[in-house]
Amino acid sequence: MFKIIFLTICFLFTNLHALEKLKVGVLAFGTVNWELDVLKHNKLDIKNGFELEVVKLASKNATSIALQSGSVDIIVTDWVWVNTQRANGGDYTLYPYSKATGTLYLSKNNNAKTLLDLEGKNIGVAGGPVDKTWLILRAYSKLKYGKDFKDIINPTFAAPPILLKKVLDGSLDGALNFWHFNAKAKAKGARALIEMEEVFKSFGIVEDIPLIGWTFRRDLALMDPRLYDSFINASKSAKKILLKDDKEWDRIKPLMKVKDEATFNSLKEGYKNGVILKFDEKNIEDSKKIFKVLQEQGGKKLVKNSKELDPKTFWEINK
């Protein structure tokens, strides 16, 4: 009898002090895994008062379905998706994860200096006709040259790995690809024609705009803001480790599945350049400018029923 009472007390005591669990849905082989691995390895979840469970999923679409169904608590997606969901009655919000964006990389033998030099060239585009970076670059081209970039080049829409291969073998003159594929291309001799900083400046934006972030249900987060803020703080701590600790990069190197040092270093540099630790009202105002650009370029195919950038699209962390 005493043993039963003792075990019951132990069980109740353990559960009383059990950490709340957060399930984060990620692409099985996505770059987000690097940061989450650092977070778990260094017990940053435990130190911040929660337990992280990483749920690996097969596609971007699967991550959004998992969030909407409640199978996971947090995913990484872009704020255009969050804003669109809000316009349709979904109470989602986002805190920026990275400012790393795709840009236009050229094949080794392409000597173009400006977008106009690519007239008639075959350029690959990842993400489809309503890809955010593609739309932003088209708007920039109109503003700077009076010509839509899609009318200057012959665009080819394809999956990122295919575009990378075709840029490297020269069958494409260049590609607008996601940042980590560009990092791999750079390691093999491809070069950026234009940096997104220049593009953003043309719209009156000085700082880089983070397009993606940790996304979760706002109504649930408001019920326990400390939990979600703790996750964001743990994420920032993991970023700080990766900014300064080369040994940690060596530890996660197997996760990156790189075949050579040049690619490893290029991916490491690309990740570090995308780190964002601060997000304030100025960033939100700049994001509104980019939303207008995307709205004008992508129309309802992209922004659906949303007419403006909802302030609640972004989660305000308690300092």
C-alpha atoms as a PDB file:
ATOM      1  CA  MET A   1       0.000   0.000   0.000  1.00  0.00           C
ATOM      2  CA  PHE A   2       2.805   2.384   0.940  1.00  0.00           C
ATOM      3  CA  LYS A   3       4.548   1.606  -2.370  1.00  0.00           C
ATOM      4  CA  ILE A   4       1.419   2.491  -4.354  1.00  0.00           C
ATOM      5  CA  ILE A   5       1.002   5.797  -2.504  1.00  0.00           C
ATOM      6  CA  PHE A   6       4.700   6.605  -3.003  1.00  0.00           C
ATOM      7  CA  LEU A   7       4.540   5.901  -6.753  1.00  0.00           C
ATOM      8  CA  THR A   8       1.357   7.967  -7.079  1.00  0.00           C
ATOM      9  CA  ILE A   9       3.004  10.940  -5.361  1.00  0.00           C
ATOM     10  CA  CYS A  10       6.065  10.586  -7.621  1.00  0.00           C
ATOM     11  CA  PHE A  11       3.843  10.465 -10.706  1.00  0.00           C
ATOM     12  CA  LEU A  12       1.907  13.568  -9.677  1.00  0.00           C
ATOM     13  CA  PHE A  13       5.108  15.427  -8.785  1.00  0.00           C
ATOM     14  CA  THR A  14       6.701  14.555 -12.135  1.00  0.00           C
ATOM     15  CA  ASN A  15       3.684  15.671 -14.128  1.00  0.00           C
ATOM     16  CA  LEU A  16       3.373  18.843 -12.083  1.00  0.00           C
ATOM     17  CA  HIS A  17       6.853  19.793 -13.237  1.00  0.00           C
ATOM     18  CA  ALA A  18       6.604  18.365 -16.781  1.00  0.00           C
ATOM     19  CA  LEU A  19       7.624  20.826 -19.446  1.00  0.00           C
ATOM     20  CA  GLU A  20       5.101  21.962 -22.018  1.00  0.00           C
ATOM     21  CA  LYS A  21       5.803  20.430 -25.416  1.00  0.00           C
ATOM     22  CA  LEU A  22       5.905  22.316 -28.702  1.00  0.00           C
ATOM     23  CA  LYS A  23       5.730  20.405 -31.961  1.00  0.00           C
ATOM     24  CA  VAL A  24       7.511  22.087 -34.863  1.00  0.00           C
ATOM     25  CA  GLY A  25       6.797  20.802 -38.366  1.00  0.00           C
ATOM     26  CA  VAL A  26       9.679  21.039 -40.842  1.00  0.00           C
ATOM     27  CA  LEU A  27      10.655  19.698 -44.236  1.00  0.00           C
ATOM     28  CA  ALA A  28      12.557  16.467 -43.677  1.00  0.00           C
ATOM     29  CA  PHE A  29      15.716  17.742 -45.374  1.00  0.00           C
ATOM     30  CA  GLY A  30      15.209  21.501 -45.026  1.00  0.00           C
ATOM     31  CA  THR A  31      17.751  23.984 -43.702  1.00  0.00           C
ATOM     32  CA  VAL A  32      15.530  24.740 -40.682  1.00  0.00           C
ATOM     33  CA  ASN A  33      16.688  21.389 -39.293  1.00  0.00           C
ATOM     34  CA  TRP A  34      20.178  22.799 -38.725  1.00  0.00           C
ATOM     35  CA  GLU A  35      18.969  25.412 -36.265  1.00  0.00           C
ATOM     36  CA  LEU A  36      16.555  23.079 -34.511  1.00  0.00           C
ATOM     37  CA  ASP A  37      19.304  20.495 -34.106  1.00  0.00           C
ATOM     38  CA  VAL A  38      21.491  23.130 -32.442  1.00  0.00           C
ATOM     39  CA  LEU A  39      18.563  24.128 -30.244  1.00  0.00           C
ATOM     40  CA  LYS A  40      17.987  20.540 -29.088  1.00  0.00           C
ATOM     41  CA  HIS A  41      21.662  19.576 -28.770  1.00  0.00           C
ATOM     42  CA  ASN A  42      22.343  22.556 -26.501  1.00  0.00           C
ATOM     43  CA  LYS A  43      19.113  21.933 -24.539  1.00  0.00           C
ATOM     44  CA  LEU A  44      17.936  25.454 -25.297  1.00  0.00           C
ATOM     45  CA  ASP A  45      14.349  24.224 -25.163  1.00  0.00           C
ATOM     46  CA  ILE A  46      14.775  22.868 -21.626  1.00  0.00           C
ATOM     47  CA  LYS A  47      16.657  25.991 -20.537  1.00  0.00           C
ATOM     48  CA  ASN A  48      13.769  28.105 -21.818  1.00  0.00           C
ATOM     49  CA  GLY A  49      11.126  26.020 -20.064  1.00  0.00           C
ATOM     50  CA  PHE A  50       9.635  23.858 -22.819  1.00  0.00           C
ATOM     51  CA  GLU A  51      10.311  20.632 -24.696  1.00  0.00           C
ATOM     52  CA  LEU A  52      10.776  20.738 -28.467  1.00  0.00           C
ATOM     53  CA  GLU A  53       9.534  17.909 -30.667  1.00  0.00           C
ATOM     54  CA  VAL A  54      10.592  18.103 -34.316  1.00  0.00           C
ATOM     55  CA  VAL A  55       8.069  16.609 -36.746  1.00  0.00           C
ATOM     56  CA  LYS A  56       9.568  15.968 -40.182  1.00  0.00           C
ATOM     57  CA  LEU A  57       7.216  16.290 -43.142  1.00  0.00           C
ATOM     58  CA  ALA A  58       7.441  15.582 -46.861  1.00  0.00           C
ATOM     59  CA  SER A  59       6.519  18.923 -48.449  1.00  0.00           C
ATOM     60  CA  LYS A  60       5.777  22.582 -47.812  1.00  0.00           C
ATOM     61  CA  ASN A  61       2.098  21.868 -48.391  1.00  0.00           C
ATOM     62  CA  ALA A  62       2.256  19.123 -45.761  1.00  0.00           C
ATOM     63  CA  THR A  63       3.612  21.578 -43.183  1.00  0.00           C
ATOM     64  CA  SER A  64       0.734  24.025 -43.662  1.00  0.00           C
ATOM     65  CA  ILE A  65      -1.813  21.190 -43.513  1.00  0.00           C
ATOM     66  CA  ALA A  66      -0.203  19.918 -40.304  1.00  0.00           C
ATOM     67  CA  LEU A  67      -0.478  23.374 -38.728  1.00  0.00           C
ATOM     68  CA  GLN A  68      -4.080  23.849 -39.810  1.00  0.00           C
ATOM     69  CA  SER A  69      -5.080  20.407 -38.543  1.00  0.00           C
ATOM     70  CA  GLY A  70      -3.350  20.925 -35.195  1.00  0.00           C
ATOM     71  CA  SER A  71      -0.839  18.110 -35.768  1.00  0.00           C
ATOM     72  CA  VAL A  72       1.975  20.589 -35.111  1.00  0.00           C
ATOM     73  CA  ASP A  73       2.145  23.889 -33.242  1.00  0.00           C
ATOM     74  CA  ILE A  74       4.662  25.789 -35.370  1.00  0.00           C
ATOM     75  CA  ILE A  75       5.949  25.746 -38.953  1.00  0.00           C
ATOM     76  CA  VAL A  76       8.114  28.000 -41.107  1.00  0.00           C
ATOM     77  CA  THR A  77       6.304  29.743 -43.945  1.00  0.00           C
ATOM     78  CA  ASP A  78       6.032  33.239 -45.426  1.00  0.00           C
ATOM     79  CA  TRP A  79       3.988  36.121 -44.118  1.00  0.00           C
ATOM     80  CA  VAL A  80       2.004  36.377 -47.355  1.00  0.00           C
ATOM     81  CA  TRP A  81       0.472  32.988 -46.494  1.00  0.00           C
ATOM     82  CA  VAL A  82      -0.210  34.141 -42.930  1.00  0.00           C
ATOM     83  CA  ASN A  83      -1.791  37.378 -44.131  1.00  0.00           C
ATOM     84  CA  THR A  84      -3.960  35.498 -46.627  1.00  0.00           C
ATOM     85  CA  GLN A  85      -5.149  33.106 -43.923  1.00  0.00           C
ATOM     86  CA  ARG A  86      -6.042  36.049 -41.702  1.00  0.00           C
ATOM     87  CA  ALA A  87      -8.057  37.657 -44.502  1.00  0.00           C
ATOM     88  CA  ASN A  88     -10.012  34.400 -44.743  1.00  0.00           C
ATOM     89  CA  GLY A  89     -10.674  34.191 -40.998  1.00  0.00           C
ATOM     90  CA  GLY A  90      -7.712  32.088 -39.890  1.00  0.00           C
ATOM     91  CA  ASP A  91      -6.048  33.442 -36.752  1.00  0.00           C
ATOM     92  CA  TYR A  92      -2.381  32.851 -37.580  1.00  0.00           C
ATOM     93  CA  THR A  93       0.667  34.961 -36.852  1.00  0.00           C
ATOM     94  CA  LEU A  94       4.400  34.890 -37.560  1.00  0.00           C
ATOM     95  CA  TYR A  95       7.718  35.875 -36.024  1.00  0.00           C
ATOM     96  CA  PRO A  96      10.600  36.294 -38.526  1.00  0.00           C
ATOM     97  CA  TYR A  97      12.961  33.354 -38.858  1.00  0.00           C
ATOM     98  CA  SER A  98      15.370  34.473 -41.590  1.00  0.00           C
ATOM     99  CA  LYS A  99      15.980  37.302 -44.047  1.00  0.00           C
ATOM    100  CA  ALA A 100      17.751  34.964 -46.488  1.00  0.00           C
ATOM    101  CA  THR A 101      16.091  35.291 -49.887  1.00  0.00           C
ATOM    102  CA  GLY A 102      16.665  33.926 -53.330  1.00  0.00           C
ATOM    103  CA  THR A 103      18.323  36.025 -55.986  1.00  0.00           C
ATOM    104  CA  LEU A 104      19.466  35.744 -59.584  1.00  0.00           C
ATOM    105  CA  TYR A 105      22.617  33.684 -60.144  1.00  0.00           C
ATOM    106  CA  LEU A 106      24.293  33.355 -63.537  1.00  0.00           C
ATOM    107  CA  SER A 107      26.150  30.440 -65.066  1.00  0.00           C
ATOM    108  CA  LYS A 108      29.955  30.583 -65.119  1.00  0.00           C
ATOM    109  CA  ASN A 109      30.351  31.934 -68.650  1.00  0.00           C
ATOM    110  CA  ASN A 110      27.612  34.563 -68.500  1.00  0.00           C
ATOM    111  CA  ASN A 111      29.112  38.063 -68.443  1.00  0.00           C
ATOM    112  CA  ALA A 112      25.865  40.036 -68.018  1.00  0.00           C
ATOM    113  CA  LYS A 113      26.123  43.163 -65.868  1.00  0.00           C
ATOM    114  CA  THR A 114      22.450  44.201 -65.709  1.00  0.00           C
ATOM    115  CA  LEU A 115      19.036  42.633 -66.188  1.00  0.00           C
ATOM    116  CA  LEU A 116      18.870  44.171 -69.667  1.00  0.00           C
ATOM    117  CA  ASP A 117      21.969  42.209 -70.689  1.00  0.00           C
ATOM    118  CA  LEU A 118      19.901  39.043 -70.296  1.00  0.00           C
ATOM    119  CA  GLU A 119      17.544  39.873 -73.167  1.00  0.00           C
ATOM    120  CA  GLY A 120      16.430  36.673 -74.867  1.00  0.00           C
ATOM    121  CA  LYS A 121      18.332  34.485 -72.395  1.00  0.00           C
ATOM    122  CA  ASN A 122      16.918  31.355 -70.772  1.00  0.00           C
ATOM    123  CA  ILE A 123      16.486  32.038 -67.057  1.00  0.00           C
ATOM    124  CA  GLY A 124      15.093  29.551 -64.568  1.00  0.00           C
ATOM    125  CA  VAL A 125      12.645  30.525 -61.833  1.00  0.00           C
ATOM    126  CA  ALA A 126      11.961  28.447 -58.718  1.00  0.00           C
ATOM    127  CA  GLY A 127       8.623  28.597 -56.943  1.00  0.00           C
ATOM    128  CA  GLY A 128       6.335  29.224 -59.916  1.00  0.00           C
ATOM    129  CA  PRO A 129       4.837  32.363 -61.518  1.00  0.00           C
ATOM    130  CA  VAL A 130       3.748  33.836 -58.165  1.00  0.00           C
ATOM    131  CA  ASP A 131       7.046  33.252 -56.361  1.00  0.00           C
ATOM    132  CA  LYS A 132       7.628  36.292 -54.161  1.00  0.00           C
ATOM    133  CA  THR A 133      11.233  36.979 -55.227  1.00  0.00           C
ATOM    134  CA  TRP A 134      10.308  36.648 -58.906  1.00  0.00           C
ATOM    135  CA  LEU A 135       7.488  39.177 -58.509  1.00  0.00           C
ATOM    136  CA  ILE A 136       9.719  41.588 -56.596  1.00  0.00           C
ATOM    137  CA  LEU A 137      12.426  41.355 -59.272  1.00  0.00           C
ATOM    138  CA  ARG A 138       9.854  41.999 -62.006  1.00  0.00           C
ATOM    139  CA  ALA A 139       8.664  45.111 -60.171  1.00  0.00           C
ATOM    140  CA  TYR A 140      12.275  46.275 -59.762  1.00  0.00           C
ATOM    141  CA  SER A 141      12.897  45.812 -63.488  1.00  0.00           C
ATOM    142  CA  LYS A 142       9.830  47.901 -64.344  1.00  0.00           C
ATOM    143  CA  LEU A 143      10.922  50.632 -61.951  1.00  0.00           C
ATOM    144  CA  LYS A 144      14.556  50.773 -63.102  1.00  0.00           C
ATOM    145  CA  TYR A 145      14.303  49.980 -66.806  1.00  0.00           C
ATOM    146  CA  GLY A 146      10.643  50.473 -67.690  1.00  0.00           C
ATOM    147  CA  LYS A 147      10.446  46.827 -68.750  1.00  0.00           C
ATOM    148  CA  ASP A 148       8.962  43.774 -67.065  1.00  0.00           C
ATOM    149  CA  PHE A 149      11.725  41.221 -66.497  1.00  0.00           C
ATOM    150  CA  LYS A 150       9.482  38.433 -67.809  1.00  0.00           C
ATOM    151  CA  ASP A 151       9.399  40.230 -71.181  1.00  0.00           C
ATOM    152  CA  ILE A 152      13.195  40.598 -71.270  1.00  0.00           C
ATOM    153  CA  ILE A 153      14.024  36.915 -70.747  1.00  0.00           C
ATOM    154  CA  ASN A 154      12.642  33.480 -71.551  1.00  0.00           C
ATOM    155  CA  PRO A 155      11.555  32.250 -68.103  1.00  0.00           C
ATOM    156  CA  THR A 156      11.606  28.543 -67.283  1.00  0.00           C
ATOM    157  CA  PHE A 157       9.739  27.475 -64.139  1.00  0.00           C
ATOM    158  CA  ALA A 158      11.140  24.349 -62.522  1.00  0.00           C
ATOM    159  CA  ALA A 159      12.083  22.711 -59.216  1.00  0.00           C
ATOM    160  CA  PRO A 160      15.126  24.183 -57.419  1.00  0.00           C
ATOM    161  CA  PRO A 161      17.411  21.111 -57.785  1.00  0.00           C
ATOM    162  CA  ILE A 162      16.778  20.990 -61.545  1.00  0.00           C
ATOM    163  CA  LEU A 163      17.539  24.699 -61.908  1.00  0.00           C
ATOM    164  CA  LEU A 164      20.767  24.303 -59.959  1.00  0.00           C
ATOM    165  CA  LYS A 165      21.892  21.470 -62.231  1.00  0.00           C
ATOM    166  CA  LYS A 166      21.043  23.409 -65.398  1.00  0.00           C
ATOM    167  CA  VAL A 167      22.867  26.545 -64.259  1.00  0.00           C
ATOM    168  CA  LEU A 168      25.963  24.509 -63.434  1.00  0.00           C
ATOM    169  CA  ASP A 169      25.976  22.640 -66.758  1.00  0.00           C
ATOM    170  CA  GLY A 170      25.279  25.839 -68.706  1.00  0.00           C
ATOM    171  CA  SER A 171      21.969  24.733 -70.227  1.00  0.00           C
ATOM    172  CA  LEU A 172      20.397  27.721 -68.468  1.00  0.00           C
ATOM    173  CA  ASP A 173      21.967  31.180 -68.546  1.00  0.00           C
ATOM    174  CA  GLY A 174      20.946  31.737 -64.944  1.00  0.00           C
ATOM    175  CA  ALA A 175      18.283  31.061 -62.347  1.00  0.00           C
ATOM    176  CA  LEU A 176      16.315  32.821 -59.656  1.00  0.00           C
ATOM    177  CA  ASN A 177      16.584  30.128 -57.013  1.00  0.00           C
ATOM    178  CA  PHE A 178      16.192  29.685 -53.249  1.00  0.00           C
ATOM    179  CA  TRP A 179      19.096  30.844 -51.112  1.00  0.00           C
ATOM    180  CA  HIS A 180      20.611  27.456 -50.252  1.00  0.00           C
ATOM    181  CA  PHE A 181      20.622  26.350 -53.892  1.00  0.00           C
ATOM    182  CA  ASN A 182      22.281  29.649 -54.772  1.00  0.00           C
ATOM    183  CA  ALA A 183      24.896  28.972 -52.096  1.00  0.00           C
ATOM    184  CA  LYS A 184      25.631  25.631 -53.747  1.00  0.00           C
ATOM    185  CA  ALA A 185      25.817  27.313 -57.164  1.00  0.00           C
ATOM    186  CA  LYS A 186      28.192  29.950 -55.802  1.00  0.00           C
ATOM    187  CA  ALA A 187      30.508  27.241 -54.495  1.00  0.00           C
ATOM    188  CA  LYS A 188      30.723  25.872 -58.050  1.00  0.00           C
ATOM    189  CA  GLY A 189      31.569  29.209 -59.675  1.00  0.00           C
ATOM    190  CA  ALA A 190      28.186  30.805 -60.388  1.00  0.00           C
ATOM    191  CA  ARG A 191      27.789  34.474 -59.456  1.00  0.00           C
ATOM    192  CA  ALA A 192      24.972  36.742 -58.344  1.00  0.00           C
ATOM    193  CA  LEU A 193      23.899  39.335 -60.898  1.00  0.00           C
ATOM    194  CA  ILE A 194      22.075  41.426 -58.331  1.00  0.00           C
ATOM    195  CA  GLU A 195      21.675  41.377 -54.562  1.00  0.00           C
ATOM    196  CA  MET A 196      18.248  41.804 -53.003  1.00  0.00           C
ATOM    197  CA  GLU A 197      19.543  44.711 -50.893  1.00  0.00           C
ATOM    198  CA  GLU A 198      19.751  46.758 -54.097  1.00  0.00           C
ATOM    199  CA  VAL A 199      16.274  45.675 -55.125  1.00  0.00           C
ATOM    200  CA  PHE A 200      14.776  46.591 -51.742  1.00  0.00           C
ATOM    201  CA  LYS A 201      16.513  49.983 -51.773  1.00  0.00           C
ATOM    202  CA  SER A 202      14.742  50.839 -55.026  1.00  0.00           C
ATOM    203  CA  PHE A 203      11.458  50.608 -53.087  1.00  0.00           C
ATOM    204  CA  GLY A 204      12.752  52.869 -50.303  1.00  0.00           C
ATOM    205  CA  ILE A 205      13.700  50.014 -47.999  1.00  0.00           C
ATOM    206  CA  VAL A 206      17.092  50.183 -46.306  1.00  0.00           C
ATOM    207  CA  GLU A 207      17.070  46.932 -44.330  1.00  0.00           C
ATOM    208  CA  ASP A 208      16.527  43.424 -45.657  1.00  0.00           C
ATOM    209  CA  ILE A 209      12.979  42.155 -45.363  1.00  0.00           C
ATOM    210  CA  PRO A 210      12.440  38.752 -43.747  1.00  0.00           C
ATOM    211  CA  LEU A 211       9.813  36.994 -45.842  1.00  0.00           C
ATOM    212  CA  ILE A 212       9.592  33.805 -43.776  1.00  0.00           C
ATOM    213  CA  GLY A 213       9.055  33.122 -40.113  1.00  0.00           C
ATOM    214  CA  TRP A 214       7.925  30.831 -37.315  1.00  0.00           C
ATOM    215  CA  THR A 215       4.181  30.574 -37.860  1.00  0.00           C
ATOM    216  CA  PHE A 216       1.545  29.522 -35.342  1.00  0.00           C
ATOM    217  CA  ARG A 217      -2.050  30.083 -34.257  1.00  0.00           C
ATOM    218  CA  ARG A 218      -2.356  33.472 -32.627  1.00  0.00           C
ATOM    219  CA  ASP A 219      -5.357  32.557 -30.498  1.00  0.00           C
ATOM    220  CA  LEU A 220      -3.456  29.650 -28.934  1.00  0.00           C
ATOM    221  CA  ALA A 221      -0.332  31.762 -28.455  1.00  0.00           C
ATOM    222  CA  LEU A 222      -2.333  34.429 -26.631  1.00  0.00           C
ATOM    223  CA  MET A 223      -3.446  31.760 -24.155  1.00  0.00           C
ATOM    224  CA  ASP A 224       0.201  31.022 -23.313  1.00  0.00           C
ATOM    225  CA  PRO A 225       2.417  33.789 -24.753  1.00  0.00           C
ATOM    226  CA  ARG A 226       5.317  32.842 -22.480  1.00  0.00           C
ATOM    227  CA  LEU A 227       5.563  29.438 -24.170  1.00  0.00           C
ATOM    228  CA  TYR A 228       5.769  30.840 -27.694  1.00  0.00           C
ATOM    229  CA  ASP A 229       8.090  33.671 -26.670  1.00  0.00           C
ATOM    230  CA  SER A 230      10.331  31.078 -25.024  1.00  0.00           C
ATOM    231  CA  PHE A 231      10.535  29.168 -28.288  1.00  0.00           C
ATOM    232  CA  ILE A 232      11.449  32.338 -30.200  1.00  0.00           C
ATOM    233  CA  ASN A 233      14.131  33.180 -27.633  1.00  0.00           C
ATOM    234  CA  ALA A 234      15.533  29.649 -27.884  1.00  0.00           C
ATOM    235  CA  SER A 235      15.637  30.035 -31.663  1.00  0.00           C
ATOM    236  CA  LYS A 236      17.568  33.295 -31.305  1.00  0.00           C
ATOM    237  CA  SER A 237      20.022  31.631 -28.921  1.00  0.00           C
ATOM    238  CA  ALA A 238      20.620  28.857 -31.461  1.00  0.00           C
ATOM    239  CA  LYS A 239      21.254  31.481 -34.131  1.00  0.00           C
ATOM    240  CA  LYS A 240      23.808  33.214 -31.913  1.00  0.00           C
ATOM    241  CA  ILE A 241      25.658  29.927 -31.446  1.00  0.00           C
ATOM    242  CA  LEU A 242      25.769  29.381 -35.206  1.00  0.00           C
ATOM    243  CA  LEU A 243      26.993  32.936 -35.759  1.00  0.00           C
ATOM    244  CA  LYS A 244      30.110  32.458 -33.651  1.00  0.00           C
ATOM    245  CA  ASP A 245      30.827  28.754 -33.070  1.00  0.00           C
ATOM    246  CA  ASP A 246      32.556  26.968 -35.967  1.00  0.00           C
ATOM    247  CA  LYS A 247      32.736  23.761 -33.932  1.00  0.00           C
ATOM    248  CA  GLU A 248      28.943  23.650 -33.885  1.00  0.00           C
ATOM    249  CA  TRP A 249      28.941  23.911 -37.671  1.00  0.00           C
ATOM    250  CA  ASP A 250      31.370  21.000 -37.826  1.00  0.00           C
ATOM    251  CA  ARG A 251      29.024  19.008 -35.592  1.00  0.00           C
ATOM    252  CA  ILE A 252      25.965  19.578 -37.819  1.00  0.00           C
ATOM    253  CA  LYS A 253      27.920  19.137 -41.064  1.00  0.00           C
ATOM    254  CA  PRO A 254      26.507  15.606 -41.648  1.00  0.00           C
ATOM    255  CA  LEU A 255      22.985  17.100 -41.582  1.00  0.00           C
ATOM    256  CA  MET A 256      23.935  19.447 -44.416  1.00  0.00           C
ATOM    257  CA  LYS A 257      24.858  16.568 -46.729  1.00  0.00           C
ATOM    258  CA  VAL A 258      27.657  18.516 -48.432  1.00  0.00           C
ATOM    259  CA  LYS A 259      30.285  16.860 -50.598  1.00  0.00           C
ATOM    260  CA  ASP A 260      33.017  19.496 -50.442  1.00  0.00           C
ATOM    261  CA  GLU A 261      34.349  22.286 -48.227  1.00  0.00           C
ATOM    262  CA  ALA A 262      33.465  25.068 -50.683  1.00  0.00           C
ATOM    263  CA  THR A 263      29.775  24.133 -50.547  1.00  0.00           C
ATOM    264  CA  PHE A 264      29.894  23.736 -46.766  1.00  0.00           C
ATOM    265  CA  ASN A 265      31.423  27.200 -46.326  1.00  0.00           C
ATOM    266  CA  SER A 266      29.040  28.779 -48.826  1.00  0.00           C
ATOM    267  CA  LEU A 267      25.991  27.362 -47.032  1.00  0.00           C
ATOM    268  CA  LYS A 268      27.386  28.458 -43.684  1.00  0.00           C
ATOM    269  CA  GLU A 269      27.927  31.997 -45.007  1.00  0.00           C
ATOM    270  CA  GLY A 270      24.453  32.086 -46.553  1.00  0.00           C
ATOM    271  CA  TYR A 271      22.801  31.017 -43.293  1.00  0.00           C
ATOM    272  CA  LYS A 272      24.727  33.603 -41.269  1.00  0.00           C
ATOM    273  CA  ASN A 273      23.828  36.381 -43.715  1.00  0.00           C
ATOM    274  CA  GLY A 274      20.169  35.511 -43.229  1.00  0.00           C
ATOM    275  CA  VAL A 275      20.151  35.668 -39.437  1.00  0.00           C
ATOM    276  CA  ILE A 276      17.706  38.193 -38.011  1.00  0.00           C
ATOM    277  CA  LEU A 277      17.694  38.877 -34.271  1.00  0.00           C
ATOM    278  CA  LYS A 278      15.670  42.106 -34.223  1.00  0.00           C
ATOM    279  CA  PHE A 279      12.292  42.919 -35.746  1.00  0.00           C
ATOM    280  CA  ASP A 280      10.539  46.185 -34.981  1.00  0.00           C
ATOM    281  CA  GLU A 281       7.983  48.694 -36.234  1.00  0.00           C
ATOM    282  CA  LYS A 282      10.337  49.923 -38.980  1.00  0.00           C
ATOM    283  CA  ASN A 283      10.583  46.402 -40.369  1.00  0.00           C
ATOM    284  CA  ILE A 284       6.792  46.113 -40.343  1.00  0.00           C
ATOM    285  CA  GLU A 285       6.426  49.393 -42.255  1.00  0.00           C
ATOM    286  CA  ASP A 286       8.945  48.146 -44.818  1.00  0.00           C
ATOM    287  CA  SER A 287       7.044  44.865 -45.077  1.00  0.00           C
ATOM    288  CA  LYS A 288       3.911  46.848 -45.920  1.00  0.00           C
ATOM    289  CA  LYS A 289       5.771  48.398 -48.866  1.00  0.00           C
ATOM    290  CA  ILE A 290       6.756  44.968 -50.125  1.00  0.00           C
ATOM    291  CA  PHE A 291       3.182  43.730 -49.675  1.00  0.00           C
ATOM    292  CA  LYS A 292       1.978  46.503 -51.996  1.00  0.00           C
ATOM    293  CA  VAL A 293       4.565  45.459 -54.581  1.00  0.00           C
ATOM    294  CA  LEU A 294       3.480  41.826 -54.322  1.00  0.00           C
ATOM    295  CA  GLN A 295      -0.186  42.789 -54.465  1.00  0.00           C
ATOM    296  CA  GLU A 296       0.343  44.802 -57.659  1.00  0.00           C
ATOM    297  CA  GLN A 297       2.454  42.109 -59.304  1.00  0.00           C
ATOM    298  CA  GLY A 298       0.784  38.918 -58.104  1.00  0.00           C
ATOM    299  CA  GLY A 299      -2.810  40.041 -57.751  1.00  0.00           C
ATOM    300  CA  LYS A 300      -5.421  37.670 -56.353  1.00  0.00           C
ATOM    301  CA  LYS A 301      -3.427  34.625 -57.430  1.00  0.00           C
ATOM    302  CA  LEU A 302      -0.976  35.497 -54.683  1.00  0.00           C
ATOM    303  CA  VAL A 303      -2.708  37.584 -52.014  1.00  0.00           C
ATOM    304  CA  LYS A 304      -6.229  36.143 -52.503  1.00  0.00           C
ATOM    305  CA  ASN A 305      -8.718  38.278 -50.499  1.00  0.00           C
ATOM    306  CA  SER A 306      -6.187  40.274 -48.477  1.00  0.00           C
ATOM    307  CA  LYS A 307      -6.160  43.973 -49.344  1.00  0.00           C
ATOM    308  CA  GLU A 308      -3.459  45.099 -46.907  1.00  0.00           C
ATOM    309  CA  LEU A 309      -0.884  43.726 -44.512  1.00  0.00           C
ATOM    310  CA  ASP A 310      -2.738  42.957 -41.286  1.00  0.00           C
ATOM    311  CA  PRO A 311      -0.754  44.225 -38.246  1.00  0.00           C
ATOM    312  CA  LYS A 312      -1.572  40.968 -36.446  1.00  0.00           C
ATOM    313  CA  THR A 313       0.259  39.035 -39.163  1.00  0.00           C
ATOM    314  CA  PHE A 314       3.381  39.624 -37.058  1.00  0.00           C
ATOM    315  CA  TRP A 315       3.705  38.339 -33.498  1.00  0.00           C
ATOM    316  CA  GLU A 316       4.934  40.886 -30.969  1.00  0.00           C
ATOM    317  CA  ILE A 317       7.276  39.172 -28.555  1.00  0.00           C
ATOM    318  CA  ASN A 318       7.360  40.339 -24.937  1.00  0.00           C
ATOM    319  CA  LYS A 319      10.922  41.446 -24.255  1.00  0.00           C
END
